Amino acid sequence: GYESVLSYEDYYLWLKMMFLDKKIENIPISLVDVRAGEEMIVRRRGWSILRNDLYFFKRIYREQYITLNVFVVNVLIRFCIRIIPPKLTAFSYKLIRKFSK
């Protein structure tokens, strides 16, 4: 069921499954070990990454998986995160984690 949606293959598959009323669950163990830090933040920023974000969110909006409001909010958030300096991005992520607990 995977389709070529650069950087969003899993997310797109999950959306399609949810809209087909398929049951989705997390398994109780981690299968991937990801190091989050300054290097990851630097890799996940810039105009090319933002273009991927825009393409994906335009696609799922056109396919009616999300509303216009959700599209706009996601694009604005990603624009800020992809363009601001890495140190500010790291600080933003720390705040988000702190307040999402």
C-alpha atoms as a PDB file:
ATOM      1  CA  GLY A   1       0.000   0.000   0.000  1.00  0.00           C
ATOM      2  CA  TYR A   2       3.013   2.328   0.070  1.00  0.00           C
ATOM      3  CA  GLU A   3       3.085   5.106  -2.497  1.00  0.00           C
ATOM      4  CA  SER A   4       5.914   7.413  -3.436  1.00  0.00           C
ATOM      5  CA  VAL A   5       5.364  10.463  -1.229  1.00  0.00           C
ATOM      6  CA  LEU A   6       8.849  11.709  -0.403  1.00  0.00           C
ATOM      7  CA  SER A   7       9.413  11.715   3.384  1.00  0.00           C
ATOM      8  CA  TYR A   8       5.756  10.955   4.123  1.00  0.00           C
ATOM      9  CA  GLU A   9       5.268   7.351   2.979  1.00  0.00           C
ATOM     10  CA  ASP A  10       4.259   6.024   6.418  1.00  0.00           C
ATOM     11  CA  TYR A  11       2.046   8.995   7.255  1.00  0.00           C
ATOM     12  CA  TYR A  12       0.246   8.721   3.913  1.00  0.00           C
ATOM     13  CA  LEU A  13      -0.319   4.981   4.369  1.00  0.00           C
ATOM     14  CA  TRP A  14      -1.778   5.594   7.845  1.00  0.00           C
ATOM     15  CA  LEU A  15      -4.131   8.264   6.479  1.00  0.00           C
ATOM     16  CA  LYS A  16      -5.395   5.944   3.761  1.00  0.00           C
ATOM     17  CA  MET A  17      -5.903   3.139   6.280  1.00  0.00           C
ATOM     18  CA  MET A  18      -7.801   5.378   8.710  1.00  0.00           C
ATOM     19  CA  PHE A  19     -10.110   6.586   5.943  1.00  0.00           C
ATOM     20  CA  LEU A  20     -10.793   2.954   5.015  1.00  0.00           C
ATOM     21  CA  ASP A  21     -11.774   2.353   8.680  1.00  0.00           C
ATOM     22  CA  LYS A  22      -8.840   0.019   9.247  1.00  0.00           C
ATOM     23  CA  LYS A  23      -7.668  -0.523  12.813  1.00  0.00           C
ATOM     24  CA  ILE A  24      -4.249   1.000  13.567  1.00  0.00           C
ATOM     25  CA  GLU A  25      -2.319   0.296  16.769  1.00  0.00           C
ATOM     26  CA  ASN A  26       1.125   0.874  18.183  1.00  0.00           C
ATOM     27  CA  ILE A  27       3.102  -2.163  19.149  1.00  0.00           C
ATOM     28  CA  PRO A  28       4.618  -2.139  22.655  1.00  0.00           C
ATOM     29  CA  ILE A  29       8.275  -2.223  21.507  1.00  0.00           C
ATOM     30  CA  SER A  30      10.463   0.194  19.543  1.00  0.00           C
ATOM     31  CA  LEU A  31      11.774  -1.163  16.269  1.00  0.00           C
ATOM     32  CA  VAL A  32      13.782   1.907  15.304  1.00  0.00           C
ATOM     33  CA  ASP A  33      16.400   3.766  17.321  1.00  0.00           C
ATOM     34  CA  VAL A  34      16.555   7.426  16.305  1.00  0.00           C
ATOM     35  CA  ARG A  35      19.020   9.938  17.660  1.00  0.00           C
ATOM     36  CA  ALA A  36      17.295  13.263  17.980  1.00  0.00           C
ATOM     37  CA  GLY A  37      19.504  16.274  18.354  1.00  0.00           C
ATOM     38  CA  GLU A  38      21.149  19.194  16.609  1.00  0.00           C
ATOM     39  CA  GLU A  39      22.189  17.107  13.574  1.00  0.00           C
ATOM     40  CA  MET A  40      18.651  15.854  12.994  1.00  0.00           C
ATOM     41  CA  ILE A  41      17.307  19.393  13.262  1.00  0.00           C
ATOM     42  CA  VAL A  42      19.815  20.642  10.688  1.00  0.00           C
ATOM     43  CA  ARG A  43      18.942  17.779   8.291  1.00  0.00           C
ATOM     44  CA  ARG A  44      15.209  18.463   8.568  1.00  0.00           C
ATOM     45  CA  ARG A  45      15.219  22.120   7.630  1.00  0.00           C
ATOM     46  CA  GLY A  46      15.562  24.317   4.588  1.00  0.00           C
ATOM     47  CA  TRP A  47      13.603  25.130   1.470  1.00  0.00           C
ATOM     48  CA  SER A  48      13.812  21.666  -0.130  1.00  0.00           C
ATOM     49  CA  ILE A  49      12.322  20.012   2.950  1.00  0.00           C
ATOM     50  CA  LEU A  50       9.623  22.705   3.078  1.00  0.00           C
ATOM     51  CA  ARG A  51       8.796  21.983  -0.591  1.00  0.00           C
ATOM     52  CA  ASN A  52       8.279  18.299   0.319  1.00  0.00           C
ATOM     53  CA  ASP A  53       5.988  19.367   3.159  1.00  0.00           C
ATOM     54  CA  LEU A  54       3.962  21.637   0.864  1.00  0.00           C
ATOM     55  CA  TYR A  55       3.621  18.942  -1.796  1.00  0.00           C
ATOM     56  CA  PHE A  56       2.417  16.390   0.740  1.00  0.00           C
ATOM     57  CA  PHE A  57      -0.090  18.630   2.488  1.00  0.00           C
ATOM     58  CA  LYS A  58      -1.456  19.935  -0.820  1.00  0.00           C
ATOM     59  CA  ARG A  59      -1.920  16.344  -1.925  1.00  0.00           C
ATOM     60  CA  ILE A  60      -3.789  15.204   1.181  1.00  0.00           C
ATOM     61  CA  TYR A  61      -5.898  18.380   1.090  1.00  0.00           C
ATOM     62  CA  ARG A  62      -6.839  17.742  -2.565  1.00  0.00           C
ATOM     63  CA  GLU A  63      -7.689  14.139  -1.676  1.00  0.00           C
ATOM     64  CA  GLN A  64      -9.889  15.478   1.161  1.00  0.00           C
ATOM     65  CA  TYR A  65      -8.008  13.766   3.973  1.00  0.00           C
ATOM     66  CA  ILE A  66      -7.661  17.155   5.713  1.00  0.00           C
ATOM     67  CA  THR A  67      -9.643  20.399   5.786  1.00  0.00           C
ATOM     68  CA  LEU A  68      -8.399  23.756   4.567  1.00  0.00           C
ATOM     69  CA  ASN A  69      -7.903  24.888   8.182  1.00  0.00           C
ATOM     70  CA  VAL A  70      -5.727  21.855   8.965  1.00  0.00           C
ATOM     71  CA  PHE A  71      -3.764  22.435   5.757  1.00  0.00           C
ATOM     72  CA  VAL A  72      -3.060  26.083   6.631  1.00  0.00           C
ATOM     73  CA  VAL A  73      -2.046  25.327  10.239  1.00  0.00           C
ATOM     74  CA  ASN A  74       0.288  22.509   9.166  1.00  0.00           C
ATOM     75  CA  VAL A  75       1.940  24.613   6.471  1.00  0.00           C
ATOM     76  CA  LEU A  76       2.435  27.575   8.826  1.00  0.00           C
ATOM     77  CA  ILE A  77       3.945  25.409  11.551  1.00  0.00           C
ATOM     78  CA  ARG A  78       6.261  23.641   9.123  1.00  0.00           C
ATOM     79  CA  PHE A  79       7.268  26.910   7.472  1.00  0.00           C
ATOM     80  CA  CYS A  80       8.383  28.278  10.828  1.00  0.00           C
ATOM     81  CA  ILE A  81      10.204  25.109  11.902  1.00  0.00           C
ATOM     82  CA  ARG A  82      11.960  24.611   8.535  1.00  0.00           C
ATOM     83  CA  ILE A  83      13.165  28.208   8.161  1.00  0.00           C
ATOM     84  CA  ILE A  84      14.063  29.516  11.644  1.00  0.00           C
ATOM     85  CA  PRO A  85      17.640  29.017  12.943  1.00  0.00           C
ATOM     86  CA  PRO A  86      18.411  25.499  14.282  1.00  0.00           C
ATOM     87  CA  LYS A  87      18.973  26.708  17.864  1.00  0.00           C
ATOM     88  CA  LEU A  88      15.503  28.266  17.910  1.00  0.00           C
ATOM     89  CA  THR A  89      14.036  25.084  16.416  1.00  0.00           C
ATOM     90  CA  ALA A  90      15.655  22.998  19.187  1.00  0.00           C
ATOM     91  CA  PHE A  91      14.267  25.364  21.809  1.00  0.00           C
ATOM     92  CA  SER A  92      10.788  25.144  20.220  1.00  0.00           C
ATOM     93  CA  TYR A  93      10.886  21.335  20.310  1.00  0.00           C
ATOM     94  CA  LYS A  94      11.853  21.415  24.006  1.00  0.00           C
ATOM     95  CA  LEU A  95       8.903  23.694  24.781  1.00  0.00           C
ATOM     96  CA  ILE A  96       6.507  21.492  22.837  1.00  0.00           C
ATOM     97  CA  ARG A  97       7.688  18.387  24.703  1.00  0.00           C
ATOM     98  CA  LYS A  98       7.431  20.171  28.040  1.00  0.00           C
ATOM     99  CA  PHE A  99       3.847  21.337  27.497  1.00  0.00           C
ATOM    100  CA  SER A 100       2.586  18.177  25.783  1.00  0.00           C
ATOM    101  CA  LYS A 101       3.142  15.960  28.838  1.00  0.00           C
END
